[in-house]
């Protein structure tokens, strides 16, 4: 712990437990709120945002903001944060799903652009837009 002591609250524990069950999934605060409401758990949006901010600060949760007009989404990473450090992202324009993309081919392009063109790409902020496999199946069904 750094600085001030971390304190635990029932609501923060409920949120953390919930996020652990959704590890690897990107969720907006609104989705979390809706899931809690469906389960009969009362937690306001302000409380959800406050606890998400604390979890992001602690490094337990990653926050992704893709584009200026989209809601931020959050992902529980726990102790595995290193697995998402150098990944690119794909965002489905149909359902909004955000997918981590670990791809050696893109890392090669990233290295080429840096070495040849002197430009360092930030993979965490690099997003490919398109349609995910699930949505493509729905469209062609």
C-alpha atoms as a PDB file:
ATOM      1  CA  UNK A   1       0.000   0.000   0.000  1.00  0.00           C
ATOM      2  CA  UNK A   2       1.164   3.455  -0.774  1.00  0.00           C
ATOM      3  CA  UNK A   3       0.208   6.749   0.795  1.00  0.00           C
ATOM      4  CA  UNK A   4      -3.056   6.321   2.574  1.00  0.00           C
ATOM      5  CA  UNK A   5      -4.395   2.979   3.725  1.00  0.00           C
ATOM      6  CA  UNK A   6      -6.872   1.155   1.537  1.00  0.00           C
ATOM      7  CA  UNK A   7     -10.145   0.473   3.209  1.00  0.00           C
ATOM      8  CA  UNK A   8     -12.662  -2.113   2.214  1.00  0.00           C
ATOM      9  CA  UNK A   9     -16.365  -1.598   1.905  1.00  0.00           C
ATOM     10  CA  UNK A  10     -19.097  -4.100   1.216  1.00  0.00           C
ATOM     11  CA  UNK A  11     -19.962  -2.389  -2.063  1.00  0.00           C
ATOM     12  CA  UNK A  12     -16.346  -2.330  -3.247  1.00  0.00           C
ATOM     13  CA  UNK A  13     -16.039  -6.024  -2.359  1.00  0.00           C
ATOM     14  CA  UNK A  14     -19.264  -6.797  -4.275  1.00  0.00           C
ATOM     15  CA  UNK A  15     -17.978  -4.907  -7.300  1.00  0.00           C
ATOM     16  CA  UNK A  16     -14.567  -6.586  -7.143  1.00  0.00           C
ATOM     17  CA  UNK A  17     -16.142 -10.044  -6.797  1.00  0.00           C
ATOM     18  CA  UNK A  18     -18.433  -9.321  -9.741  1.00  0.00           C
ATOM     19  CA  UNK A  19     -15.544  -8.078 -11.907  1.00  0.00           C
ATOM     20  CA  UNK A  20     -13.488 -11.183 -11.071  1.00  0.00           C
ATOM     21  CA  UNK A  21     -16.271 -13.323 -12.542  1.00  0.00           C
ATOM     22  CA  UNK A  22     -16.052 -11.210 -15.707  1.00  0.00           C
ATOM     23  CA  UNK A  23     -12.242 -11.263 -16.016  1.00  0.00           C
ATOM     24  CA  UNK A  24     -11.137 -10.594 -19.580  1.00  0.00           C
ATOM     25  CA  UNK A  25     -14.470  -8.991 -20.503  1.00  0.00           C
ATOM     26  CA  UNK A  26     -14.798  -5.274 -21.158  1.00  0.00           C
ATOM     27  CA  UNK A  27     -17.748  -3.700 -19.351  1.00  0.00           C
ATOM     28  CA  UNK A  28     -19.129  -0.192 -19.118  1.00  0.00           C
ATOM     29  CA  UNK A  29     -20.308   1.228 -15.813  1.00  0.00           C
ATOM     30  CA  UNK A  30     -23.860   1.159 -17.217  1.00  0.00           C
ATOM     31  CA  UNK A  31     -23.583  -2.576 -17.959  1.00  0.00           C
ATOM     32  CA  UNK A  32     -22.318  -3.209 -14.435  1.00  0.00           C
ATOM     33  CA  UNK A  33     -25.180  -1.143 -13.009  1.00  0.00           C
ATOM     34  CA  UNK A  34     -27.747  -3.061 -15.099  1.00  0.00           C
ATOM     35  CA  UNK A  35     -26.293  -6.438 -14.039  1.00  0.00           C
ATOM     36  CA  UNK A  36     -26.389  -5.411 -10.381  1.00  0.00           C
ATOM     37  CA  UNK A  37     -29.975  -4.194 -10.700  1.00  0.00           C
ATOM     38  CA  UNK A  38     -31.028  -7.474 -12.370  1.00  0.00           C
ATOM     39  CA  UNK A  39     -29.489  -9.370  -9.433  1.00  0.00           C
ATOM     40  CA  UNK A  40     -31.308  -7.170  -6.919  1.00  0.00           C
ATOM     41  CA  UNK A  41     -28.133  -5.445  -5.716  1.00  0.00           C
ATOM     42  CA  UNK A  42     -28.553  -1.743  -5.094  1.00  0.00           C
ATOM     43  CA  UNK A  43     -25.515   0.273  -6.148  1.00  0.00           C
ATOM     44  CA  UNK A  44     -25.756   3.706  -7.709  1.00  0.00           C
ATOM     45  CA  UNK A  45     -23.810   4.821 -10.747  1.00  0.00           C
ATOM     46  CA  UNK A  46     -21.760   7.326  -8.728  1.00  0.00           C
ATOM     47  CA  UNK A  47     -20.709   4.556  -6.340  1.00  0.00           C
ATOM     48  CA  UNK A  48     -19.797   2.258  -9.227  1.00  0.00           C
ATOM     49  CA  UNK A  49     -17.666   4.962 -10.862  1.00  0.00           C
ATOM     50  CA  UNK A  50     -15.990   5.847  -7.537  1.00  0.00           C
ATOM     51  CA  UNK A  51     -15.033   2.228  -6.854  1.00  0.00           C
ATOM     52  CA  UNK A  52     -13.960   1.624 -10.468  1.00  0.00           C
ATOM     53  CA  UNK A  53     -11.656   4.645 -10.234  1.00  0.00           C
ATOM     54  CA  UNK A  54     -10.130   3.234  -7.034  1.00  0.00           C
ATOM     55  CA  UNK A  55      -9.640  -0.195  -8.629  1.00  0.00           C
ATOM     56  CA  UNK A  56      -8.013   1.430 -11.674  1.00  0.00           C
ATOM     57  CA  UNK A  57      -5.715   3.410  -9.368  1.00  0.00           C
ATOM     58  CA  UNK A  58      -4.794   0.183  -7.533  1.00  0.00           C
ATOM     59  CA  UNK A  59      -4.044  -1.558 -10.846  1.00  0.00           C
ATOM     60  CA  UNK A  60      -6.671  -4.266 -10.378  1.00  0.00           C
ATOM     61  CA  UNK A  61      -8.816  -2.928 -13.231  1.00  0.00           C
ATOM     62  CA  UNK A  62      -7.816  -1.410 -16.573  1.00  0.00           C
ATOM     63  CA  UNK A  63      -9.795   1.449 -18.047  1.00  0.00           C
ATOM     64  CA  UNK A  64     -10.129   1.834 -21.802  1.00  0.00           C
ATOM     65  CA  UNK A  65     -11.498   4.921 -23.500  1.00  0.00           C
ATOM     66  CA  UNK A  66     -11.830   4.369 -27.212  1.00  0.00           C
ATOM     67  CA  UNK A  67     -12.847   7.491 -29.067  1.00  0.00           C
ATOM     68  CA  UNK A  68     -14.100  10.766 -27.655  1.00  0.00           C
ATOM     69  CA  UNK A  69     -17.793   9.906 -27.751  1.00  0.00           C
ATOM     70  CA  UNK A  70     -17.746   6.334 -26.445  1.00  0.00           C
ATOM     71  CA  UNK A  71     -18.210   5.322 -22.828  1.00  0.00           C
ATOM     72  CA  UNK A  72     -15.137   4.053 -21.046  1.00  0.00           C
ATOM     73  CA  UNK A  73     -15.010   0.346 -20.447  1.00  0.00           C
ATOM     74  CA  UNK A  74     -13.299  -1.546 -17.689  1.00  0.00           C
ATOM     75  CA  UNK A  75     -11.597  -4.914 -17.478  1.00  0.00           C
ATOM     76  CA  UNK A  76     -10.600  -6.832 -14.367  1.00  0.00           C
ATOM     77  CA  UNK A  77      -6.929  -7.761 -14.686  1.00  0.00           C
ATOM     78  CA  UNK A  78      -5.981  -8.633 -11.114  1.00  0.00           C
ATOM     79  CA  UNK A  79      -2.360  -9.767 -11.142  1.00  0.00           C
ATOM     80  CA  UNK A  80      -2.179 -10.391 -14.900  1.00  0.00           C
ATOM     81  CA  UNK A  81      -1.812  -6.823 -16.112  1.00  0.00           C
ATOM     82  CA  UNK A  82       1.360  -7.675 -18.010  1.00  0.00           C
ATOM     83  CA  UNK A  83      -0.660  -9.781 -20.470  1.00  0.00           C
ATOM     84  CA  UNK A  84      -2.490  -6.742 -21.831  1.00  0.00           C
ATOM     85  CA  UNK A  85       0.339  -4.223 -21.949  1.00  0.00           C
ATOM     86  CA  UNK A  86       1.322  -4.458 -25.610  1.00  0.00           C
ATOM     87  CA  UNK A  87      -1.875  -5.465 -27.293  1.00  0.00           C
ATOM     88  CA  UNK A  88      -3.814  -3.718 -29.996  1.00  0.00           C
ATOM     89  CA  UNK A  89      -7.605  -3.603 -29.948  1.00  0.00           C
ATOM     90  CA  UNK A  90     -10.500  -4.373 -32.254  1.00  0.00           C
ATOM     91  CA  UNK A  91     -13.807  -2.596 -31.657  1.00  0.00           C
ATOM     92  CA  UNK A  92     -17.021  -3.929 -33.130  1.00  0.00           C
ATOM     93  CA  UNK A  93     -19.021  -1.097 -34.651  1.00  0.00           C
ATOM     94  CA  UNK A  94     -22.184  -3.159 -34.331  1.00  0.00           C
ATOM     95  CA  UNK A  95     -22.231  -4.327 -30.692  1.00  0.00           C
ATOM     96  CA  UNK A  96     -19.417  -2.216 -29.233  1.00  0.00           C
ATOM     97  CA  UNK A  97     -17.348  -5.187 -28.043  1.00  0.00           C
ATOM     98  CA  UNK A  98     -13.692  -4.377 -27.427  1.00  0.00           C
ATOM     99  CA  UNK A  99     -11.295  -7.249 -28.144  1.00  0.00           C
ATOM    100  CA  UNK A 100      -7.639  -7.495 -27.130  1.00  0.00           C
ATOM    101  CA  UNK A 101      -5.545  -8.363 -30.156  1.00  0.00           C
ATOM    102  CA  UNK A 102      -2.198 -10.051 -29.539  1.00  0.00           C
ATOM    103  CA  UNK A 103      -0.675 -10.470 -32.974  1.00  0.00           C
ATOM    104  CA  UNK A 104       2.957 -11.011 -33.912  1.00  0.00           C
ATOM    105  CA  UNK A 105       2.267  -9.640 -37.401  1.00  0.00           C
ATOM    106  CA  UNK A 106       1.129  -6.307 -35.945  1.00  0.00           C
ATOM    107  CA  UNK A 107       4.109  -6.208 -33.595  1.00  0.00           C
ATOM    108  CA  UNK A 108       6.282  -6.620 -36.696  1.00  0.00           C
ATOM    109  CA  UNK A 109       4.499  -3.692 -38.368  1.00  0.00           C
ATOM    110  CA  UNK A 110       4.872  -1.678 -35.166  1.00  0.00           C
ATOM    111  CA  UNK A 111       8.632  -2.353 -35.127  1.00  0.00           C
ATOM    112  CA  UNK A 112       8.942  -1.565 -38.854  1.00  0.00           C
ATOM    113  CA  UNK A 113       7.167   1.791 -38.461  1.00  0.00           C
ATOM    114  CA  UNK A 114       9.411   2.689 -35.531  1.00  0.00           C
ATOM    115  CA  UNK A 115      12.678   1.610 -37.184  1.00  0.00           C
ATOM    116  CA  UNK A 116      11.936   2.846 -40.705  1.00  0.00           C
ATOM    117  CA  UNK A 117       9.714   5.848 -40.137  1.00  0.00           C
ATOM    118  CA  UNK A 118      10.760   6.957 -36.653  1.00  0.00           C
ATOM    119  CA  UNK A 119       7.244   6.764 -35.284  1.00  0.00           C
ATOM    120  CA  UNK A 120       6.392   4.821 -32.115  1.00  0.00           C
ATOM    121  CA  UNK A 121       2.883   3.399 -32.172  1.00  0.00           C
ATOM    122  CA  UNK A 122       1.093   3.051 -28.835  1.00  0.00           C
ATOM    123  CA  UNK A 123      -0.648  -0.332 -29.183  1.00  0.00           C
ATOM    124  CA  UNK A 124      -2.934   0.293 -26.209  1.00  0.00           C
ATOM    125  CA  UNK A 125      -4.435   3.246 -28.074  1.00  0.00           C
ATOM    126  CA  UNK A 126      -4.459   1.619 -31.501  1.00  0.00           C
ATOM    127  CA  UNK A 127      -7.924   0.406 -32.449  1.00  0.00           C
ATOM    128  CA  UNK A 128      -9.126  -1.417 -35.536  1.00  0.00           C
ATOM    129  CA  UNK A 129     -12.815  -0.843 -36.229  1.00  0.00           C
ATOM    130  CA  UNK A 130     -14.997  -3.410 -37.916  1.00  0.00           C
ATOM    131  CA  UNK A 131     -17.505  -6.157 -37.156  1.00  0.00           C
ATOM    132  CA  UNK A 132     -16.895  -9.025 -34.731  1.00  0.00           C
ATOM    133  CA  UNK A 133     -17.516 -12.656 -35.644  1.00  0.00           C
ATOM    134  CA  UNK A 134     -20.721 -12.861 -33.563  1.00  0.00           C
ATOM    135  CA  UNK A 135     -22.264  -9.842 -35.271  1.00  0.00           C
ATOM    136  CA  UNK A 136     -21.203 -11.059 -38.715  1.00  0.00           C
ATOM    137  CA  UNK A 137     -22.981 -14.358 -38.005  1.00  0.00           C
ATOM    138  CA  UNK A 138     -26.153 -12.466 -37.044  1.00  0.00           C
ATOM    139  CA  UNK A 139     -25.967 -10.351 -40.200  1.00  0.00           C
ATOM    140  CA  UNK A 140     -25.556 -13.397 -42.460  1.00  0.00           C
ATOM    141  CA  UNK A 141     -28.092 -15.568 -40.625  1.00  0.00           C
END
